[in-house]
Amino acid sequence: MPDVVEIVFLMLVLKLPIIYLIAVVWWAVRAEPRPPEPALLPVAAEPEPDPSGGRRPARRPRRSGPHGRGGPGRRPDRVAVR
């Protein structure tokens, strides 16, 4: 009895994906292609006015320490050779 159930399962249920694949391919072959859409022409955007009035933004102070640029602890001390 268990063998019959397995055979019925394999014959009927596992054929559904194959039938679906055949239907999708058939639908794709019969579909008419859409006409190509015309290309969109880009519009040149006007530059936004500078809110700072042409001034450069203020610079942040340099960080010191092992992960910053420069500052104490970045270079080893020089040793005088005699």
Protein backbone atom coordinates (compact mmCIF):
# COMPACT_ATOMS: atom_id res chain seq x y z
CA MET A 1 0.00 0.00 0.00
CA PRO A 2 2.73 2.59 0.81
CA ASP A 3 4.28 1.93 -2.60
CA VAL A 4 1.04 2.83 -4.36
CA VAL A 5 0.81 6.14 -2.51
CA GLU A 6 4.38 6.99 -3.50
CA ILE A 7 3.74 6.16 -7.15
CA VAL A 8 0.55 8.26 -7.22
CA PHE A 9 2.41 11.12 -5.55
CA LEU A 10 5.25 10.98 -8.06
CA MET A 11 2.91 10.66 -11.06
CA LEU A 12 0.46 13.40 -10.17
CA VAL A 13 1.85 15.94 -7.72
CA LEU A 14 5.37 16.26 -9.12
CA LYS A 15 4.03 16.92 -12.63
CA LEU A 16 2.50 20.24 -11.51
CA PRO A 17 5.78 22.20 -11.75
CA ILE A 18 6.37 20.76 -15.24
CA ILE A 19 2.87 21.78 -16.35
CA TYR A 20 3.43 25.26 -14.87
CA LEU A 21 6.73 25.62 -16.74
CA ILE A 22 5.11 24.58 -20.03
CA ALA A 23 2.28 27.10 -19.48
CA VAL A 24 4.70 29.95 -18.74
CA VAL A 25 6.82 29.23 -21.81
CA TRP A 26 3.69 28.98 -24.00
CA TRP A 27 2.40 32.31 -22.63
CA ALA A 28 5.79 34.00 -23.23
CA VAL A 29 6.02 32.74 -26.80
CA ARG A 30 2.53 33.96 -27.66
CA ALA A 31 2.96 37.39 -26.03
CA GLU A 32 3.38 40.31 -28.42
CA PRO A 33 6.40 42.53 -27.77
CA ARG A 34 5.72 46.04 -26.56
CA PRO A 35 6.90 48.91 -28.75
CA PRO A 36 10.06 50.57 -27.40
CA GLU A 37 9.48 53.69 -25.35
CA PRO A 38 11.05 56.91 -26.60
CA ALA A 39 14.12 58.12 -24.74
CA LEU A 40 13.57 60.81 -22.15
CA LEU A 41 15.47 64.02 -22.71
CA PRO A 42 17.27 65.18 -19.57
CA VAL A 43 16.65 68.75 -18.48
CA ALA A 44 19.63 70.77 -17.32
CA ALA A 45 19.01 71.77 -13.72
CA GLU A 46 19.88 75.28 -12.67
CA PRO A 47 22.49 75.42 -9.91
CA GLU A 48 21.12 76.31 -6.51
CA PRO A 49 22.39 79.55 -4.99
CA ASP A 50 25.20 79.11 -2.47
CA PRO A 51 23.74 79.72 1.02
CA SER A 52 27.14 80.69 2.44
CA GLY A 53 27.51 83.59 0.03
CA GLY A 54 30.78 82.28 -1.42
CA ARG A 55 32.55 81.91 1.94
CA ARG A 56 34.37 78.72 2.81
CA PRO A 57 32.90 76.71 5.67
CA ALA A 58 34.73 76.84 9.00
CA ARG A 59 37.31 74.11 9.45
CA ARG A 60 37.10 71.76 12.37
CA PRO A 61 40.14 71.63 14.65
CA ARG A 62 42.52 68.74 14.16
CA ARG A 63 42.09 65.72 16.33
CA SER A 64 44.97 64.65 18.48
CA GLY A 65 45.68 61.21 19.76
CA PRO A 66 46.43 57.87 18.14
CA HIS A 67 43.62 58.11 15.55
CA GLY A 68 43.89 61.78 14.60
CA ARG A 69 46.20 63.58 12.24
CA GLY A 70 49.26 64.98 13.94
CA GLY A 71 49.29 66.10 17.52
CA PRO A 72 51.10 64.70 20.51
CA GLY A 73 51.74 60.99 20.63
CA ARG A 74 51.94 60.69 16.86
CA ARG A 75 55.73 60.68 16.40
CA PRO A 76 58.27 59.02 18.66
CA ASP A 77 60.56 61.37 20.60
CA ARG A 78 63.96 62.02 19.07
CA VAL A 79 66.89 60.67 20.95
CA ALA A 80 70.19 62.56 20.93
CA VAL A 81 73.05 60.34 19.82
CA ARG A 82 76.52 61.15 21.34
